Each structure stands twice: as structure tokens, then as C-alpha cells.
Amino acid sequence: MKTVIFAITLLTATGALANSYVCTHGGMERSITVVYHEPGQAVPCEVQYTKQGESQTLWRADNEGGYCEAQASAFAEKQAGWGWECQQASAEPQAPIEPAEGADGQ
């Protein structure tokens, strides 16, 4: 139980910036952002994907802490597999997300 509470606290403390990704490719930019609906709470949340100035919600969670963060990270990795360079948005520069081994980009 302590591990679950710690994980939720850690996710909540990192805030939306730690769970946002900016992906670029050929002069284009896309963003993947975890949006928290209640300040200081890991849920409810949603993952928003923005491309060409239009946003859409890809996933939502009402009860499962960490779900939105995991989905956002996995989607950023998938984008990297398609040739996009994705970086996690934060106060400090992060290394680009590399595609998973065997990702064919299709």
C-alpha cells in the first residue's frame, strides 16, 4: 500500500510538464500532454494529442493512477518509431525517446 501511495504522490508531484512530450519531424510539431482535472490529484486525467493546431483526447482515466502517464509515454515511443524525435518537456533538457527495438514505424 505504501508503494502505491508513493507512486501516486510522485506522479502528482511531477506535474503535467513531466508528463508532456514534444515531437518534431521535418519542421512539423506534435504534442502529447497528460492533463489533470483536479490539482494535486493523479486522476481523473486524460492524454491530449495536438497536431496541426487541433487537439484530441486519446485516453482517459478516472480511477487508475499512472494510466495516463503510461499511455502518454508509450505513444511518444510509438511516434519515435515512426521517425519523430520526441522529447519529454521539463525544466531540464531530456534525451530524445528512442523507438523500441524492432519498431518498424508502420
PDB file of N, CA and C in Angstrom:
ATOM      1  N   MET A   1       0.820  -1.185   0.000  1.00  0.00           N
ATOM      2  CA  MET A   1       0.000   0.000   0.000  1.00  0.00           C
ATOM      3  C   MET A   1       0.870   1.256   0.000  1.00  0.00           C
ATOM      4  N   LYS A   2       1.970   1.241   0.756  1.00  0.00           N
ATOM      5  CA  LYS A   2       2.853   2.397   0.804  1.00  0.00           C
ATOM      6  C   LYS A   2       3.443   2.684  -0.572  1.00  0.00           C
ATOM      7  N   THR A   3       3.746   1.624  -1.335  1.00  0.00           N
ATOM      8  CA  THR A   3       4.300   1.798  -2.677  1.00  0.00           C
ATOM      9  C   THR A   3       3.309   2.504  -3.583  1.00  0.00           C
ATOM     10  N   VAL A   4       2.053   2.126  -3.513  1.00  0.00           N
ATOM     11  CA  VAL A   4       1.014   2.747  -4.337  1.00  0.00           C
ATOM     12  C   VAL A   4       0.875   4.218  -3.976  1.00  0.00           C
ATOM     13  N   ILE A   5       0.836   4.513  -2.682  1.00  0.00           N
ATOM     14  CA  ILE A   5       0.712   5.909  -2.247  1.00  0.00           C
ATOM     15  C   ILE A   5       1.924   6.707  -2.704  1.00  0.00           C
ATOM     16  N   PHE A   6       3.127   6.131  -2.571  1.00  0.00           N
ATOM     17  CA  PHE A   6       4.336   6.810  -3.016  1.00  0.00           C
ATOM     18  C   PHE A   6       4.285   7.088  -4.514  1.00  0.00           C
ATOM     19  N   ALA A   7       3.867   6.094  -5.304  1.00  0.00           N
ATOM     20  CA  ALA A   7       3.797   6.256  -6.756  1.00  0.00           C
ATOM     21  C   ALA A   7       2.813   7.358  -7.136  1.00  0.00           C
ATOM     22  N   ILE A   8       1.661   7.387  -6.498  1.00  0.00           N
ATOM     23  CA  ILE A   8       0.671   8.426  -6.788  1.00  0.00           C
ATOM     24  C   ILE A   8       1.213   9.785  -6.380  1.00  0.00           C
ATOM     25  N   THR A   9       1.864   9.852  -5.224  1.00  0.00           N
ATOM     26  CA  THR A   9       2.453  11.115  -4.774  1.00  0.00           C
ATOM     27  C   THR A   9       3.518  11.577  -5.750  1.00  0.00           C
ATOM     28  N   LEU A  10       4.360  10.669  -6.206  1.00  0.00           N
ATOM     29  CA  LEU A  10       5.409  11.009  -7.157  1.00  0.00           C
ATOM     30  C   LEU A  10       4.803  11.518  -8.460  1.00  0.00           C
ATOM     31  N   LEU A  11       3.797  10.837  -8.969  1.00  0.00           N
ATOM     32  CA  LEU A  11       3.154  11.265 -10.210  1.00  0.00           C
ATOM     33  C   LEU A  11       2.516  12.625 -10.050  1.00  0.00           C
ATOM     34  N   THR A  12       1.867  12.846  -8.914  1.00  0.00           N
ATOM     35  CA  THR A  12       1.211  14.118  -8.669  1.00  0.00           C
ATOM     36  C   THR A  12       2.247  15.229  -8.528  1.00  0.00           C
ATOM     37  N   ALA A  13       3.340  14.953  -7.852  1.00  0.00           N
ATOM     38  CA  ALA A  13       4.360  15.973  -7.619  1.00  0.00           C
ATOM     39  C   ALA A  13       5.076  16.378  -8.899  1.00  0.00           C
ATOM     40  N   THR A  14       5.188  15.477  -9.861  1.00  0.00           N
ATOM     41  CA  THR A  14       5.912  15.806 -11.074  1.00  0.00           C
ATOM     42  C   THR A  14       5.129  16.752 -11.964  1.00  0.00           C
ATOM     43  N   GLY A  15       3.820  16.771 -11.853  1.00  0.00           N
ATOM     44  CA  GLY A  15       3.004  17.715 -12.604  1.00  0.00           C
ATOM     45  C   GLY A  15       2.928  17.404 -14.080  1.00  0.00           C
ATOM     46  N   ALA A  16       2.156  18.213 -14.792  1.00  0.00           N
ATOM     47  CA  ALA A  16       1.892  17.968 -16.208  1.00  0.00           C
ATOM     48  C   ALA A  16       3.140  18.115 -17.069  1.00  0.00           C
ATOM     49  N   LEU A  17       4.058  19.017 -16.709  1.00  0.00           N
ATOM     50  CA  LEU A  17       5.240  19.189 -17.542  1.00  0.00           C
ATOM     51  C   LEU A  17       6.064  17.919 -17.651  1.00  0.00           C
ATOM     52  N   ALA A  18       6.165  17.181 -16.573  1.00  0.00           N
ATOM     53  CA  ALA A  18       6.944  15.950 -16.611  1.00  0.00           C
ATOM     54  C   ALA A  18       6.241  14.879 -17.429  1.00  0.00           C
ATOM     55  N   ASN A  19       4.991  15.092 -17.751  1.00  0.00           N
ATOM     56  CA  ASN A  19       4.214  14.125 -18.497  1.00  0.00           C
ATOM     57  C   ASN A  19       3.740  14.717 -19.815  1.00  0.00           C
ATOM     58  N   SER A  20       4.555  15.564 -20.378  1.00  0.00           N
ATOM     59  CA  SER A  20       4.286  16.159 -21.676  1.00  0.00           C
ATOM     60  C   SER A  20       5.456  15.863 -22.598  1.00  0.00           C
ATOM     61  N   TYR A  21       5.146  15.627 -23.858  1.00  0.00           N
ATOM     62  CA  TYR A  21       6.163  15.324 -24.850  1.00  0.00           C
ATOM     63  C   TYR A  21       5.955  16.222 -26.054  1.00  0.00           C
ATOM     64  N   VAL A  22       7.049  16.661 -26.634  1.00  0.00           N
ATOM     65  CA  VAL A  22       7.011  17.423 -27.873  1.00  0.00           C
ATOM     66  C   VAL A  22       7.758  16.598 -28.907  1.00  0.00           C
ATOM     67  N   CYS A  23       7.073  16.323 -30.018  1.00  0.00           N
ATOM     68  CA  CYS A  23       7.654  15.504 -31.079  1.00  0.00           C
ATOM     69  C   CYS A  23       7.788  16.341 -32.341  1.00  0.00           C
ATOM     70  N   THR A  24       8.951  16.269 -32.978  1.00  0.00           N
ATOM     71  CA  THR A  24       9.192  17.033 -34.196  1.00  0.00           C
ATOM     72  C   THR A  24       9.679  16.105 -35.304  1.00  0.00           C
ATOM     73  N   HIS A  25       9.362  16.522 -36.545  1.00  0.00           N
ATOM     74  CA  HIS A  25       9.780  15.758 -37.709  1.00  0.00           C
ATOM     75  C   HIS A  25       9.568  16.637 -38.945  1.00  0.00           C
ATOM     76  N   GLY A  26      10.638  16.885 -39.682  1.00  0.00           N
ATOM     77  CA  GLY A  26      10.527  17.636 -40.919  1.00  0.00           C
ATOM     78  C   GLY A  26       9.852  18.992 -40.774  1.00  0.00           C
ATOM     79  N   GLY A  27      10.134  19.701 -39.706  1.00  0.00           N
ATOM     80  CA  GLY A  27       9.553  21.021 -39.499  1.00  0.00           C
ATOM     81  C   GLY A  27       8.154  20.997 -38.898  1.00  0.00           C
ATOM     82  N   MET A  28       7.608  19.820 -38.653  1.00  0.00           N
ATOM     83  CA  MET A  28       6.287  19.699 -38.028  1.00  0.00           C
ATOM     84  C   MET A  28       6.456  19.423 -36.537  1.00  0.00           C
ATOM     85  N   GLU A  29       5.443  19.776 -35.758  1.00  0.00           N
ATOM     86  CA  GLU A  29       5.492  19.551 -34.317  1.00  0.00           C
ATOM     87  C   GLU A  29       4.174  18.970 -33.841  1.00  0.00           C
ATOM     88  N   ARG A  30       4.277  18.020 -32.931  1.00  0.00           N
ATOM     89  CA  ARG A  30       3.107  17.420 -32.299  1.00  0.00           C
ATOM     90  C   ARG A  30       3.370  17.353 -30.807  1.00  0.00           C
ATOM     91  N   SER A  31       2.315  17.416 -30.015  1.00  0.00           N
ATOM     92  CA  SER A  31       2.499  17.318 -28.567  1.00  0.00           C
ATOM     93  C   SER A  31       1.562  16.278 -27.977  1.00  0.00           C
ATOM     94  N   ILE A  32       2.056  15.652 -26.920  1.00  0.00           N
ATOM     95  CA  ILE A  32       1.320  14.653 -26.161  1.00  0.00           C
ATOM     96  C   ILE A  32       1.366  15.140 -24.721  1.00  0.00           C
ATOM     97  N   THR A  33       0.208  15.395 -24.137  1.00  0.00           N
ATOM     98  CA  THR A  33       0.167  16.013 -22.817  1.00  0.00           C
ATOM     99  C   THR A  33      -0.810  15.290 -21.902  1.00  0.00           C
ATOM    100  N   VAL A  34      -0.380  15.017 -20.663  1.00  0.00           N
ATOM    101  CA  VAL A  34      -1.287  14.495 -19.648  1.00  0.00           C
ATOM    102  C   VAL A  34      -1.917  15.693 -18.958  1.00  0.00           C
ATOM    103  N   VAL A  35      -3.245  15.731 -18.953  1.00  0.00           N
ATOM    104  CA  VAL A  35      -3.989  16.820 -18.330  1.00  0.00           C
ATOM    105  C   VAL A  35      -4.671  16.269 -17.080  1.00  0.00           C
ATOM    106  N   TYR A  36      -4.420  16.914 -15.945  1.00  0.00           N
ATOM    107  CA  TYR A  36      -5.041  16.512 -14.678  1.00  0.00           C
ATOM    108  C   TYR A  36      -6.228  17.437 -14.431  1.00  0.00           C
ATOM    109  N   HIS A  37      -7.371  16.864 -14.093  1.00  0.00           N
ATOM    110  CA  HIS A  37      -8.590  17.648 -13.924  1.00  0.00           C
ATOM    111  C   HIS A  37      -8.749  18.231 -12.526  1.00  0.00           C
ATOM    112  N   GLU A  38      -8.043  17.673 -11.551  1.00  0.00           N
ATOM    113  CA  GLU A  38      -8.099  18.194 -10.192  1.00  0.00           C
ATOM    114  C   GLU A  38      -6.678  18.431  -9.703  1.00  0.00           C
ATOM    115  N   PRO A  39      -6.351  19.681  -9.352  1.00  0.00           N
ATOM    116  CA  PRO A  39      -4.983  19.989  -8.898  1.00  0.00           C
ATOM    117  C   PRO A  39      -4.553  19.071  -7.754  1.00  0.00           C
ATOM    118  N   GLY A  40      -3.348  18.532  -7.880  1.00  0.00           N
ATOM    119  CA  GLY A  40      -2.798  17.681  -6.842  1.00  0.00           C
ATOM    120  C   GLY A  40      -3.301  16.247  -6.873  1.00  0.00           C
ATOM    121  N   GLN A  41      -4.105  15.886  -7.860  1.00  0.00           N
ATOM    122  CA  GLN A  41      -4.660  14.540  -7.956  1.00  0.00           C
ATOM    123  C   GLN A  41      -4.219  13.889  -9.268  1.00  0.00           C
ATOM    124  N   ALA A  42      -3.832  12.613  -9.201  1.00  0.00           N
ATOM    125  CA  ALA A  42      -3.384  11.884 -10.392  1.00  0.00           C
ATOM    126  C   ALA A  42      -4.554  11.485 -11.295  1.00  0.00           C
ATOM    127  N   VAL A  43      -5.741  11.392 -10.733  1.00  0.00           N
ATOM    128  CA  VAL A  43      -6.950  11.079 -11.502  1.00  0.00           C
ATOM    129  C   VAL A  43      -8.089  11.973 -11.012  1.00  0.00           C
ATOM    130  N   PRO A  44      -9.014  12.311 -11.840  1.00  0.00           N
ATOM    131  CA  PRO A  44      -9.126  11.957 -13.255  1.00  0.00           C
ATOM    132  C   PRO A  44      -8.085  12.701 -14.099  1.00  0.00           C
ATOM    133  N   CYS A  45      -7.744  12.059 -15.211  1.00  0.00           N
ATOM    134  CA  CYS A  45      -6.767  12.634 -16.130  1.00  0.00           C
ATOM    135  C   CYS A  45      -7.122  12.231 -17.548  1.00  0.00           C
ATOM    136  N   GLU A  46      -6.467  12.865 -18.495  1.00  0.00           N
ATOM    137  CA  GLU A  46      -6.624  12.474 -19.894  1.00  0.00           C
ATOM    138  C   GLU A  46      -5.329  12.771 -20.640  1.00  0.00           C
ATOM    139  N   VAL A  47      -5.155  12.084 -21.751  1.00  0.00           N
ATOM    140  CA  VAL A  47      -3.995  12.304 -22.614  1.00  0.00           C
ATOM    141  C   VAL A  47      -4.490  13.031 -23.848  1.00  0.00           C
ATOM    142  N   GLN A  48      -3.954  14.233 -24.062  1.00  0.00           N
ATOM    143  CA  GLN A  48      -4.324  15.023 -25.235  1.00  0.00           C
ATOM    144  C   GLN A  48      -3.191  14.994 -26.250  1.00  0.00           C
ATOM    145  N   TYR A  49      -3.571  14.850 -27.497  1.00  0.00           N
ATOM    146  CA  TYR A  49      -2.625  14.814 -28.612  1.00  0.00           C
ATOM    147  C   TYR A  49      -2.953  15.985 -29.521  1.00  0.00           C
ATOM    148  N   THR A  50      -1.960  16.823 -29.791  1.00  0.00           N
ATOM    149  CA  THR A  50      -2.167  18.001 -30.629  1.00  0.00           C
ATOM    150  C   THR A  50      -1.284  17.920 -31.855  1.00  0.00           C
ATOM    151  N   LYS A  51      -1.913  18.048 -33.029  1.00  0.00           N
ATOM    152  CA  LYS A  51      -1.180  18.122 -34.285  1.00  0.00           C
ATOM    153  C   LYS A  51      -1.906  19.102 -35.176  1.00  0.00           C
ATOM    154  N   GLN A  52      -1.139  19.870 -35.909  1.00  0.00           N
ATOM    155  CA  GLN A  52      -1.666  20.889 -36.819  1.00  0.00           C
ATOM    156  C   GLN A  52      -2.689  21.786 -36.122  1.00  0.00           C
ATOM    157  N   GLY A  53      -2.412  22.113 -34.849  1.00  0.00           N
ATOM    158  CA  GLY A  53      -3.248  23.028 -34.094  1.00  0.00           C
ATOM    159  C   GLY A  53      -4.553  22.449 -33.576  1.00  0.00           C
ATOM    160  N   GLU A  54      -4.807  21.175 -33.816  1.00  0.00           N
ATOM    161  CA  GLU A  54      -6.040  20.542 -33.345  1.00  0.00           C
ATOM    162  C   GLU A  54      -5.715  19.497 -32.287  1.00  0.00           C
ATOM    163  N   SER A  55      -6.451  19.544 -31.179  1.00  0.00           N
ATOM    164  CA  SER A  55      -6.247  18.602 -30.081  1.00  0.00           C
ATOM    165  C   SER A  55      -7.367  17.583 -30.033  1.00  0.00           C
ATOM    166  N   GLN A  56      -6.985  16.387 -29.621  1.00  0.00           N
ATOM    167  CA  GLN A  56      -7.991  15.358 -29.384  1.00  0.00           C
ATOM    168  C   GLN A  56      -7.570  14.564 -28.155  1.00  0.00           C
ATOM    169  N   THR A  57      -8.544  14.036 -27.443  1.00  0.00           N
ATOM    170  CA  THR A  57      -8.267  13.212 -26.278  1.00  0.00           C
ATOM    171  C   THR A  57      -8.148  11.770 -26.728  1.00  0.00           C
ATOM    172  N   LEU A  58      -6.994  11.154 -26.424  1.00  0.00           N
ATOM    173  CA  LEU A  58      -6.753   9.771 -26.824  1.00  0.00           C
ATOM    174  C   LEU A  58      -7.153   8.775 -25.743  1.00  0.00           C
ATOM    175  N   TRP A  59      -6.883   9.109 -24.461  1.00  0.00           N
ATOM    176  CA  TRP A  59      -7.199   8.214 -23.348  1.00  0.00           C
ATOM    177  C   TRP A  59      -7.654   9.037 -22.164  1.00  0.00           C
ATOM    178  N   ARG A  60      -8.462   8.395 -21.304  1.00  0.00           N
ATOM    179  CA  ARG A  60      -8.928   8.998 -20.050  1.00  0.00           C
ATOM    180  C   ARG A  60      -8.832   7.962 -18.939  1.00  0.00           C
ATOM    181  N   ALA A  61      -8.665   8.441 -17.724  1.00  0.00           N
ATOM    182  CA  ALA A  61      -8.706   7.555 -16.559  1.00  0.00           C
ATOM    183  C   ALA A  61      -9.400   8.288 -15.420  1.00  0.00           C
ATOM    184  N   ASP A  62     -10.295   7.597 -14.755  1.00  0.00           N
ATOM    185  CA  ASP A  62     -10.990   8.168 -13.604  1.00  0.00           C
ATOM    186  C   ASP A  62     -10.509   7.580 -12.284  1.00  0.00           C
ATOM    187  N   ASN A  63      -9.985   6.353 -12.329  1.00  0.00           N
ATOM    188  CA  ASN A  63      -9.642   5.656 -11.089  1.00  0.00           C
ATOM    189  C   ASN A  63      -8.224   5.120 -11.020  1.00  0.00           C
ATOM    190  N   GLU A  64      -7.582   4.904 -12.143  1.00  0.00           N
ATOM    191  CA  GLU A  64      -6.285   4.231 -12.166  1.00  0.00           C
ATOM    192  C   GLU A  64      -5.135   5.232 -12.285  1.00  0.00           C
ATOM    193  N   GLY A  65      -4.503   5.547 -11.161  1.00  0.00           N
ATOM    194  CA  GLY A  65      -3.359   6.443 -11.160  1.00  0.00           C
ATOM    195  C   GLY A  65      -2.218   5.852 -11.969  1.00  0.00           C
ATOM    196  N   GLY A  66      -1.558   6.664 -12.773  1.00  0.00           N
ATOM    197  CA  GLY A  66      -0.438   6.217 -13.591  1.00  0.00           C
ATOM    198  C   GLY A  66      -0.836   5.790 -14.995  1.00  0.00           C
ATOM    199  N   TYR A  67      -2.130   5.564 -15.232  1.00  0.00           N
ATOM    200  CA  TYR A  67      -2.589   5.099 -16.549  1.00  0.00           C
ATOM    201  C   TYR A  67      -2.293   6.139 -17.631  1.00  0.00           C
ATOM    202  N   CYS A  68      -2.668   7.388 -17.396  1.00  0.00           N
ATOM    203  CA  CYS A  68      -2.455   8.431 -18.409  1.00  0.00           C
ATOM    204  C   CYS A  68      -0.975   8.631 -18.693  1.00  0.00           C
ATOM    205  N   GLU A  69      -0.166   8.615 -17.643  1.00  0.00           N
ATOM    206  CA  GLU A  69       1.268   8.805 -17.812  1.00  0.00           C
ATOM    207  C   GLU A  69       1.873   7.676 -18.653  1.00  0.00           C
ATOM    208  N   ALA A  70       1.450   6.449 -18.372  1.00  0.00           N
ATOM    209  CA  ALA A  70       1.962   5.296 -19.124  1.00  0.00           C
ATOM    210  C   ALA A  70       1.535   5.361 -20.589  1.00  0.00           C
ATOM    211  N   GLN A  71       0.283   5.741 -20.846  1.00  0.00           N
ATOM    212  CA  GLN A  71      -0.219   5.839 -22.209  1.00  0.00           C
ATOM    213  C   GLN A  71       0.515   6.931 -22.982  1.00  0.00           C
ATOM    214  N   ALA A  72       0.752   8.078 -22.332  1.00  0.00           N
ATOM    215  CA  ALA A  72       1.459   9.180 -22.986  1.00  0.00           C
ATOM    216  C   ALA A  72       2.882   8.767 -23.340  1.00  0.00           C
ATOM    217  N   SER A  73       3.562   8.105 -22.417  1.00  0.00           N
ATOM    218  CA  SER A  73       4.932   7.658 -22.660  1.00  0.00           C
ATOM    219  C   SER A  73       4.982   6.639 -23.798  1.00  0.00           C
ATOM    220  N   ALA A  74       4.060   5.682 -23.784  1.00  0.00           N
ATOM    221  CA  ALA A  74       4.023   4.659 -24.836  1.00  0.00           C
ATOM    222  C   ALA A  74       3.721   5.277 -26.197  1.00  0.00           C
ATOM    223  N   PHE A  75       2.851   6.285 -26.229  1.00  0.00           N
ATOM    224  CA  PHE A  75       2.514   6.921 -27.502  1.00  0.00           C
ATOM    225  C   PHE A  75       3.697   7.736 -28.026  1.00  0.00           C
ATOM    226  N   ALA A  76       4.450   8.385 -27.126  1.00  0.00           N
ATOM    227  CA  ALA A  76       5.654   9.116 -27.542  1.00  0.00           C
ATOM    228  C   ALA A  76       6.669   8.145 -28.132  1.00  0.00           C
ATOM    229  N   GLU A  77       6.803   6.968 -27.520  1.00  0.00           N
ATOM    230  CA  GLU A  77       7.723   5.958 -28.043  1.00  0.00           C
ATOM    231  C   GLU A  77       7.256   5.474 -29.423  1.00  0.00           C
ATOM    232  N   LYS A  78       5.954   5.331 -29.596  1.00  0.00           N
ATOM    233  CA  LYS A  78       5.403   4.917 -30.888  1.00  0.00           C
ATOM    234  C   LYS A  78       5.697   5.977 -31.955  1.00  0.00           C
ATOM    235  N   GLN A  79       5.546   7.253 -31.598  1.00  0.00           N
ATOM    236  CA  GLN A  79       5.858   8.344 -32.524  1.00  0.00           C
ATOM    237  C   GLN A  79       7.335   8.275 -32.933  1.00  0.00           C
ATOM    238  N   ALA A  80       8.198   8.008 -31.950  1.00  0.00           N
ATOM    239  CA  ALA A  80       9.630   7.896 -32.240  1.00  0.00           C
ATOM    240  C   ALA A  80       9.879   6.760 -33.231  1.00  0.00           C
ATOM    241  N   GLY A  81       9.129   5.697 -33.108  1.00  0.00           N
ATOM    242  CA  GLY A  81       9.248   4.582 -34.037  1.00  0.00           C
ATOM    243  C   GLY A  81       8.833   4.944 -35.449  1.00  0.00           C
ATOM    244  N   TRP A  82       8.008   5.961 -35.577  1.00  0.00           N
ATOM    245  CA  TRP A  82       7.567   6.451 -36.893  1.00  0.00           C
ATOM    246  C   TRP A  82       8.507   7.520 -37.455  1.00  0.00           C
ATOM    247  N   GLY A  83       9.621   7.786 -36.758  1.00  0.00           N
ATOM    248  CA  GLY A  83      10.602   8.735 -37.257  1.00  0.00           C
ATOM    249  C   GLY A  83      10.551  10.115 -36.623  1.00  0.00           C
ATOM    250  N   TRP A  84       9.650  10.320 -35.678  1.00  0.00           N
ATOM    251  CA  TRP A  84       9.568  11.599 -34.977  1.00  0.00           C
ATOM    252  C   TRP A  84      10.609  11.626 -33.869  1.00  0.00           C
ATOM    253  N   GLU A  85      11.145  12.812 -33.577  1.00  0.00           N
ATOM    254  CA  GLU A  85      12.051  12.978 -32.444  1.00  0.00           C
ATOM    255  C   GLU A  85      11.228  13.543 -31.304  1.00  0.00           C
ATOM    256  N   CYS A  86      11.019  12.739 -30.277  1.00  0.00           N
ATOM    257  CA  CYS A  86      10.180  13.146 -29.146  1.00  0.00           C
ATOM    258  C   CYS A  86      11.036  13.389 -27.916  1.00  0.00           C
ATOM    259  N   GLN A  87      10.773  14.500 -27.255  1.00  0.00           N
ATOM    260  CA  GLN A  87      11.467  14.824 -26.023  1.00  0.00           C
ATOM    261  C   GLN A  87      10.443  15.135 -24.959  1.00  0.00           C
ATOM    262  N   GLN A  88      10.734  14.673 -23.749  1.00  0.00           N
ATOM    263  CA  GLN A  88       9.861  14.957 -22.625  1.00  0.00           C
ATOM    264  C   GLN A  88      10.068  16.413 -22.232  1.00  0.00           C
ATOM    265  N   ALA A  89       8.989  17.149 -22.088  1.00  0.00           N
ATOM    266  CA  ALA A  89       9.067  18.557 -21.710  1.00  0.00           C
ATOM    267  C   ALA A  89       9.340  18.660 -20.217  1.00  0.00           C
ATOM    268  N   SER A  90      10.344  19.457 -19.859  1.00  0.00           N
ATOM    269  CA  SER A  90      10.675  19.683 -18.459  1.00  0.00           C
ATOM    270  C   SER A  90      11.575  20.895 -18.378  1.00  0.00           C
ATOM    271  N   ALA A  91      11.947  21.249 -17.176  1.00  0.00           N
ATOM    272  CA  ALA A  91      12.826  22.400 -16.972  1.00  0.00           C
ATOM    273  C   ALA A  91      14.233  22.106 -17.482  1.00  0.00           C
ATOM    274  N   GLU A  92      14.625  20.825 -17.486  1.00  0.00           N
ATOM    275  CA  GLU A  92      15.943  20.438 -17.958  1.00  0.00           C
ATOM    276  C   GLU A  92      15.811  19.668 -19.263  1.00  0.00           C
ATOM    277  N   PRO A  93      16.749  19.851 -20.198  1.00  0.00           N
ATOM    278  CA  PRO A  93      16.687  19.103 -21.455  1.00  0.00           C
ATOM    279  C   PRO A  93      16.758  17.601 -21.209  1.00  0.00           C
ATOM    280  N   GLN A  94      15.995  16.845 -21.968  1.00  0.00           N
ATOM    281  CA  GLN A  94      15.971  15.396 -21.871  1.00  0.00           C
ATOM    282  C   GLN A  94      16.481  14.799 -23.178  1.00  0.00           C
ATOM    283  N   ALA A  95      16.988  13.603 -23.095  1.00  0.00           N
ATOM    284  CA  ALA A  95      17.404  12.898 -24.305  1.00  0.00           C
ATOM    285  C   ALA A  95      16.178  12.502 -25.103  1.00  0.00           C
ATOM    286  N   PRO A  96      16.276  12.475 -26.431  1.00  0.00           N
ATOM    287  CA  PRO A  96      15.142  12.049 -27.246  1.00  0.00           C
ATOM    288  C   PRO A  96      14.731  10.621 -26.908  1.00  0.00           C
ATOM    289  N   ILE A  97      13.463  10.328 -27.074  1.00  0.00           N
ATOM    290  CA  ILE A  97      12.946   8.982 -26.860  1.00  0.00           C
ATOM    291  C   ILE A  97      13.295   8.158 -28.079  1.00  0.00           C
ATOM    292  N   GLU A  98      13.935   7.038 -27.844  1.00  0.00           N
ATOM    293  CA  GLU A  98      14.330   6.144 -28.934  1.00  0.00           C
ATOM    294  C   GLU A  98      13.223   5.128 -29.163  1.00  0.00           C
ATOM    295  N   PRO A  99      12.993   4.742 -30.411  1.00  0.00           N
ATOM    296  CA  PRO A  99      11.989   3.715 -30.675  1.00  0.00           C
ATOM    297  C   PRO A  99      12.402   2.390 -30.041  1.00  0.00           C
ATOM    298  N   ALA A 100      11.392   1.607 -29.673  1.00  0.00           N
ATOM    299  CA  ALA A 100      11.665   0.297 -29.104  1.00  0.00           C
ATOM    300  C   ALA A 100      12.338  -0.572 -30.160  1.00  0.00           C
ATOM    301  N   GLU A 101      13.188  -1.464 -29.713  1.00  0.00           N
ATOM    302  CA  GLU A 101      13.878  -2.344 -30.651  1.00  0.00           C
ATOM    303  C   GLU A 101      12.848  -3.137 -31.436  1.00  0.00           C
ATOM    304  N   GLY A 102      13.028  -3.162 -32.734  1.00  0.00           N
ATOM    305  CA  GLY A 102      12.105  -3.898 -33.591  1.00  0.00           C
ATOM    306  C   GLY A 102      10.940  -3.060 -34.072  1.00  0.00           C
ATOM    307  N   ALA A 103      10.845  -1.787 -33.650  1.00  0.00           N
ATOM    308  CA  ALA A 103       9.754  -0.933 -34.139  1.00  0.00           C
ATOM    309  C   ALA A 103       9.989  -0.631 -35.598  1.00  0.00           C
ATOM    310  N   ASP A 104       8.984  -0.861 -36.398  1.00  0.00           N
ATOM    311  CA  ASP A 104       9.158  -0.672 -37.843  1.00  0.00           C
ATOM    312  C   ASP A 104       8.560   0.640 -38.350  1.00  0.00           C
ATOM    313  N   GLY A 105       7.903   1.388 -37.449  1.00  0.00           N
ATOM    314  CA  GLY A 105       7.373   2.697 -37.856  1.00  0.00           C
ATOM    315  C   GLY A 105       6.097   2.627 -38.647  1.00  0.00           C
ATOM    316  N   GLN A 106       5.481   1.482 -38.740  1.00  0.00           N
ATOM    317  CA  GLN A 106       4.238   1.363 -39.505  1.00  0.00           C
ATOM    318  C   GLN A 106       3.043   1.309 -38.611  1.00  0.00           C
TER     319      GLN A 106
END
